[in-house]
Structures are given as C-alpha cells and as structure tokens.
Amino acid sequence: MNISKKKPPYRNDRADQKQEKKGGNTGLPLAKILQELTPSIEDYLKKLSENQKKIVDADLKISESIERLTNHIISEKQNIRLNLYAGKVRKKFKKSEDSHHQRVKKIITRMRKKLKTYEEIARFLEKENIPTFTKQGRWHAQTVHRLFQDYPDI
C-alpha cells in the first residue's frame, strides 16, 4: 500500500486558499490591478474636469445674457407695454358730458342688452334721424361697435 501523505500547507498557502474561497482570486495582486487601472482613472478624471469647466463657462455665458437682457428691459421699460389682461383691453376715453352723447350711448346700451347687432343699431339711429357726433355723415355698424368698445360706462 502506497499511501502518500500530504504535506501540511504553509501559512501563506492557507491564506491564499481562504482568499480563493472568498472572492475567487484572479491570481493578480491588488497593487498590479490598481496600477493597470490608474491611467484609465486619470483619463476619466481629466475628461470630467474638462466637462465641468465647460459647464461653468456655459453657466457664466447664460448669467451674462440674463444680465444684459435685464439691463435692456430696465433701460427700455417705458417703451414696453405688457398686456396683463386675458380679454381685450378697452381704451380709456374722457367721459362725455354732452347730453347728445349720453342719449346715443343709452340707446346703444339698451339695444345691445336686447342682443341687437351693431348694424341694426346703426340703421335704427339713421331711421330716427339721430345725428352723428360730428353732425356729418351717417351711422355705420363699425362706428357703433367702436363706441360700444371705447366707452366703459355703456
């Protein structure tokens, strides 16, 4: 009987065996792996740094543009008219104290409440021989419409 006895493993062999069982040792020491990865990591960090610089430059350009726009708006604010109303903004006119104006405005208001068209109102004013405000010309639907839009009190 030839029974060969195994030599007891050295301490370092035992540590290698334990390492192989734990993580599946690749046979390369950690220092060598890190040495091989170092150039790739350095390249990655350089590219990351360059990209961060580009982002900072872009943010600076954006902030400069916003500053220029703000300064322009501030310097030109008297020329800018903002329409903050969803509906049509009526023009502000001086209220007429003339009794003729008041009479015409009342007629237009009453007829609009009865859902009459501007054309029907103009024909009515012509039929009743009510003079225009200039005392010349004739009543037209467009004139009645403008009066209705211009005077907020009718």
C-alpha atoms as a PDB file:
ATOM      1  CA  MET A   1       0.000   0.000   0.000  1.00  0.00           C
ATOM      2  CA  ASN A   2       1.378   3.139  -1.125  1.00  0.00           C
ATOM      3  CA  ILE A   3      -0.329   5.886   0.790  1.00  0.00           C
ATOM      4  CA  SER A   4       1.244   9.177   0.259  1.00  0.00           C
ATOM      5  CA  LYS A   5       0.839  11.715   2.918  1.00  0.00           C
ATOM      6  CA  LYS A   6       0.154  15.287   2.000  1.00  0.00           C
ATOM      7  CA  LYS A   7       2.414  17.908   3.357  1.00  0.00           C
ATOM      8  CA  PRO A   8       0.724  20.331   5.649  1.00  0.00           C
ATOM      9  CA  PRO A   9       0.217  23.620   3.824  1.00  0.00           C
ATOM     10  CA  TYR A  10       2.282  26.577   4.813  1.00  0.00           C
ATOM     11  CA  ARG A  11       0.589  29.512   6.404  1.00  0.00           C
ATOM     12  CA  ASN A  12       0.740  31.594   3.197  1.00  0.00           C
ATOM     13  CA  ASP A  13      -0.844  28.776   1.239  1.00  0.00           C
ATOM     14  CA  ARG A  14      -3.707  28.674   3.729  1.00  0.00           C
ATOM     15  CA  ALA A  15      -4.299  32.414   3.345  1.00  0.00           C
ATOM     16  CA  ASP A  16      -4.331  32.067  -0.461  1.00  0.00           C
ATOM     17  CA  GLN A  17      -6.831  29.211  -0.197  1.00  0.00           C
ATOM     18  CA  LYS A  18      -9.101  31.262   2.054  1.00  0.00           C
ATOM     19  CA  GLN A  19      -8.861  34.216  -0.376  1.00  0.00           C
ATOM     20  CA  GLU A  20      -9.747  31.957  -3.302  1.00  0.00           C
ATOM     21  CA  LYS A  21     -12.790  30.633  -1.444  1.00  0.00           C
ATOM     22  CA  LYS A  22     -13.976  34.159  -0.539  1.00  0.00           C
ATOM     23  CA  GLY A  23     -13.566  36.187  -3.725  1.00  0.00           C
ATOM     24  CA  GLY A  24     -12.322  33.889  -6.377  1.00  0.00           C
ATOM     25  CA  ASN A  25      -8.760  35.182  -6.570  1.00  0.00           C
ATOM     26  CA  THR A  26      -7.811  36.137 -10.123  1.00  0.00           C
ATOM     27  CA  GLY A  27      -4.202  35.488  -9.465  1.00  0.00           C
ATOM     28  CA  LEU A  28      -3.246  39.179  -9.793  1.00  0.00           C
ATOM     29  CA  PRO A  29      -2.274  41.109  -6.728  1.00  0.00           C
ATOM     30  CA  LEU A  30      -4.326  44.186  -5.898  1.00  0.00           C
ATOM     31  CA  ALA A  31      -1.397  46.534  -6.463  1.00  0.00           C
ATOM     32  CA  LYS A  32      -0.980  45.309 -10.035  1.00  0.00           C
ATOM     33  CA  ILE A  33      -4.693  45.730 -10.779  1.00  0.00           C
ATOM     34  CA  LEU A  34      -4.619  49.283  -9.447  1.00  0.00           C
ATOM     35  CA  GLN A  35      -1.502  50.023 -11.441  1.00  0.00           C
ATOM     36  CA  GLU A  36      -3.235  48.876 -14.632  1.00  0.00           C
ATOM     37  CA  LEU A  37      -6.384  50.926 -13.888  1.00  0.00           C
ATOM     38  CA  THR A  38      -4.591  54.130 -12.904  1.00  0.00           C
ATOM     39  CA  PRO A  39      -4.194  55.525 -16.469  1.00  0.00           C
ATOM     40  CA  SER A  40      -7.875  54.917 -17.214  1.00  0.00           C
ATOM     41  CA  ILE A  41      -8.919  56.593 -13.976  1.00  0.00           C
ATOM     42  CA  GLU A  42      -6.645  59.568 -14.712  1.00  0.00           C
ATOM     43  CA  ASP A  43      -8.144  59.949 -18.216  1.00  0.00           C
ATOM     44  CA  TYR A  44     -11.636  59.771 -16.807  1.00  0.00           C
ATOM     45  CA  LEU A  45     -10.880  62.421 -14.173  1.00  0.00           C
ATOM     46  CA  LYS A  46      -9.291  64.722 -16.790  1.00  0.00           C
ATOM     47  CA  LYS A  47     -12.353  64.452 -19.036  1.00  0.00           C
ATOM     48  CA  LEU A  48     -14.641  65.017 -16.061  1.00  0.00           C
ATOM     49  CA  SER A  49     -12.660  68.126 -15.112  1.00  0.00           C
ATOM     50  CA  GLU A  50     -12.829  69.478 -18.687  1.00  0.00           C
ATOM     51  CA  ASN A  51     -16.590  68.887 -18.818  1.00  0.00           C
ATOM     52  CA  GLN A  52     -17.058  70.692 -15.503  1.00  0.00           C
ATOM     53  CA  LYS A  53     -15.106  73.676 -16.871  1.00  0.00           C
ATOM     54  CA  LYS A  54     -17.336  73.721 -19.954  1.00  0.00           C
ATOM     55  CA  ILE A  55     -20.452  73.670 -17.760  1.00  0.00           C
ATOM     56  CA  VAL A  56     -19.120  76.557 -15.667  1.00  0.00           C
ATOM     57  CA  ASP A  57     -18.321  78.553 -18.841  1.00  0.00           C
ATOM     58  CA  ALA A  58     -21.824  77.907 -20.206  1.00  0.00           C
ATOM     59  CA  ASP A  59     -23.401  78.984 -16.904  1.00  0.00           C
ATOM     60  CA  LEU A  60     -21.336  82.191 -16.970  1.00  0.00           C
ATOM     61  CA  LYS A  61     -22.492  82.950 -20.517  1.00  0.00           C
ATOM     62  CA  ILE A  62     -26.112  82.352 -19.524  1.00  0.00           C
ATOM     63  CA  SER A  63     -25.834  84.635 -16.496  1.00  0.00           C
ATOM     64  CA  GLU A  64     -24.190  87.362 -18.620  1.00  0.00           C
ATOM     65  CA  SER A  65     -27.003  87.083 -21.168  1.00  0.00           C
ATOM     66  CA  ILE A  66     -29.637  87.337 -18.463  1.00  0.00           C
ATOM     67  CA  GLU A  67     -27.877  90.368 -17.020  1.00  0.00           C
ATOM     68  CA  ARG A  68     -27.768  92.079 -20.433  1.00  0.00           C
ATOM     69  CA  LEU A  69     -31.434  91.290 -21.031  1.00  0.00           C
ATOM     70  CA  THR A  70     -32.404  92.612 -17.606  1.00  0.00           C
ATOM     71  CA  ASN A  71     -30.427  95.807 -18.143  1.00  0.00           C
ATOM     72  CA  HIS A  72     -32.067  96.271 -21.539  1.00  0.00           C
ATOM     73  CA  ILE A  73     -35.543  95.777 -20.101  1.00  0.00           C
ATOM     74  CA  ILE A  74     -34.837  98.214 -17.287  1.00  0.00           C
ATOM     75  CA  SER A  75     -33.469 100.844 -19.669  1.00  0.00           C
ATOM     76  CA  GLU A  76     -36.365 100.421 -22.106  1.00  0.00           C
ATOM     77  CA  LYS A  77     -39.175  99.842 -19.608  1.00  0.00           C
ATOM     78  CA  GLN A  78     -41.050 102.982 -20.606  1.00  0.00           C
ATOM     79  CA  ASN A  79     -41.322 101.614 -24.166  1.00  0.00           C
ATOM     80  CA  ILE A  80     -42.629  98.206 -23.122  1.00  0.00           C
ATOM     81  CA  ARG A  81     -46.347  97.685 -22.700  1.00  0.00           C
ATOM     82  CA  LEU A  82     -47.355  94.404 -21.156  1.00  0.00           C
ATOM     83  CA  ASN A  83     -50.782  93.004 -21.847  1.00  0.00           C
ATOM     84  CA  LEU A  84     -51.647  91.507 -18.481  1.00  0.00           C
ATOM     85  CA  TYR A  85     -55.323  91.015 -19.232  1.00  0.00           C
ATOM     86  CA  ALA A  86     -56.739  87.913 -20.841  1.00  0.00           C
ATOM     87  CA  GLY A  87     -59.528  89.826 -22.550  1.00  0.00           C
ATOM     88  CA  LYS A  88     -59.468  92.824 -24.808  1.00  0.00           C
ATOM     89  CA  VAL A  89     -58.309  95.986 -23.068  1.00  0.00           C
ATOM     90  CA  ARG A  90     -60.663  98.877 -23.618  1.00  0.00           C
ATOM     91  CA  LYS A  91     -59.294 102.278 -24.440  1.00  0.00           C
ATOM     92  CA  LYS A  92     -59.824 104.933 -21.830  1.00  0.00           C
ATOM     93  CA  PHE A  93     -61.629 107.982 -23.078  1.00  0.00           C
ATOM     94  CA  LYS A  94     -62.825 111.075 -21.401  1.00  0.00           C
ATOM     95  CA  LYS A  95     -66.430 110.672 -20.391  1.00  0.00           C
ATOM     96  CA  SER A  96     -68.699 112.861 -22.413  1.00  0.00           C
ATOM     97  CA  GLU A  97     -70.936 115.265 -20.550  1.00  0.00           C
ATOM     98  CA  ASP A  98     -72.818 116.225 -23.705  1.00  0.00           C
ATOM     99  CA  SER A  99     -76.470 115.215 -23.479  1.00  0.00           C
ATOM    100  CA  HIS A 100     -76.435 114.078 -27.126  1.00  0.00           C
ATOM    101  CA  HIS A 101     -73.537 111.714 -26.394  1.00  0.00           C
ATOM    102  CA  GLN A 102     -75.277 110.401 -23.306  1.00  0.00           C
ATOM    103  CA  ARG A 103     -78.512 109.813 -25.233  1.00  0.00           C
ATOM    104  CA  VAL A 104     -76.727 107.895 -28.020  1.00  0.00           C
ATOM    105  CA  LYS A 105     -74.791 105.811 -25.516  1.00  0.00           C
ATOM    106  CA  LYS A 106     -78.004 104.888 -23.692  1.00  0.00           C
ATOM    107  CA  ILE A 107     -79.654 103.841 -26.960  1.00  0.00           C
ATOM    108  CA  ILE A 108     -76.699 101.664 -27.883  1.00  0.00           C
ATOM    109  CA  THR A 109     -76.590 100.104 -24.410  1.00  0.00           C
ATOM    110  CA  ARG A 110     -80.292  99.257 -24.362  1.00  0.00           C
ATOM    111  CA  MET A 111     -80.225  97.764 -27.841  1.00  0.00           C
ATOM    112  CA  ARG A 112     -77.097  95.690 -27.098  1.00  0.00           C
ATOM    113  CA  LYS A 113     -78.809  94.316 -23.996  1.00  0.00           C
ATOM    114  CA  LYS A 114     -81.644  93.239 -26.321  1.00  0.00           C
ATOM    115  CA  LEU A 115     -78.964  91.430 -28.416  1.00  0.00           C
ATOM    116  CA  LYS A 116     -79.299  93.750 -31.402  1.00  0.00           C
ATOM    117  CA  THR A 117     -76.398  93.768 -33.849  1.00  0.00           C
ATOM    118  CA  TYR A 118     -74.280  96.832 -34.492  1.00  0.00           C
ATOM    119  CA  GLU A 119     -75.779  97.030 -37.986  1.00  0.00           C
ATOM    120  CA  GLU A 120     -79.315  97.039 -36.561  1.00  0.00           C
ATOM    121  CA  ILE A 121     -78.379  99.771 -34.095  1.00  0.00           C
ATOM    122  CA  ALA A 122     -76.826 101.897 -36.865  1.00  0.00           C
ATOM    123  CA  ARG A 123     -79.982 101.512 -39.015  1.00  0.00           C
ATOM    124  CA  PHE A 124     -82.135 102.487 -36.027  1.00  0.00           C
ATOM    125  CA  LEU A 125     -80.060 105.644 -35.373  1.00  0.00           C
ATOM    126  CA  GLU A 126     -80.329 106.571 -39.063  1.00  0.00           C
ATOM    127  CA  LYS A 127     -84.076 105.874 -39.135  1.00  0.00           C
ATOM    128  CA  GLU A 128     -84.659 108.081 -36.064  1.00  0.00           C
ATOM    129  CA  ASN A 129     -82.548 110.865 -37.666  1.00  0.00           C
ATOM    130  CA  ILE A 130     -80.184 110.970 -34.709  1.00  0.00           C
ATOM    131  CA  PRO A 131     -77.126 112.925 -35.878  1.00  0.00           C
ATOM    132  CA  THR A 132     -73.608 111.582 -35.562  1.00  0.00           C
ATOM    133  CA  PHE A 133     -71.265 113.256 -33.064  1.00  0.00           C
ATOM    134  CA  THR A 134     -69.656 115.304 -35.847  1.00  0.00           C
ATOM    135  CA  LYS A 135     -73.081 116.178 -37.264  1.00  0.00           C
ATOM    136  CA  GLN A 136     -71.824 114.912 -40.624  1.00  0.00           C
ATOM    137  CA  GLY A 137     -72.024 111.570 -42.327  1.00  0.00           C
ATOM    138  CA  ARG A 138     -74.111 108.566 -41.374  1.00  0.00           C
ATOM    139  CA  TRP A 139     -74.181 105.945 -38.650  1.00  0.00           C
ATOM    140  CA  HIS A 140     -72.313 102.741 -39.533  1.00  0.00           C
ATOM    141  CA  ALA A 141     -72.047  99.444 -37.711  1.00  0.00           C
ATOM    142  CA  GLN A 142     -68.315  99.953 -37.260  1.00  0.00           C
ATOM    143  CA  THR A 143     -68.888 103.336 -35.609  1.00  0.00           C
ATOM    144  CA  VAL A 144     -71.452 101.868 -33.223  1.00  0.00           C
ATOM    145  CA  HIS A 145     -69.112  98.988 -32.405  1.00  0.00           C
ATOM    146  CA  ARG A 146     -66.227 101.382 -31.687  1.00  0.00           C
ATOM    147  CA  LEU A 147     -68.421 103.475 -29.408  1.00  0.00           C
ATOM    148  CA  PHE A 148     -69.599 100.405 -27.564  1.00  0.00           C
ATOM    149  CA  GLN A 149     -65.967  99.214 -27.088  1.00  0.00           C
ATOM    150  CA  ASP A 150     -64.493 102.623 -26.257  1.00  0.00           C
ATOM    151  CA  TYR A 151     -66.855 103.720 -23.542  1.00  0.00           C
ATOM    152  CA  PRO A 152     -66.609 101.509 -20.456  1.00  0.00           C
ATOM    153  CA  ASP A 153     -69.764 103.012 -18.994  1.00  0.00           C
ATOM    154  CA  ILE A 154     -72.062 101.700 -21.726  1.00  0.00           C
END
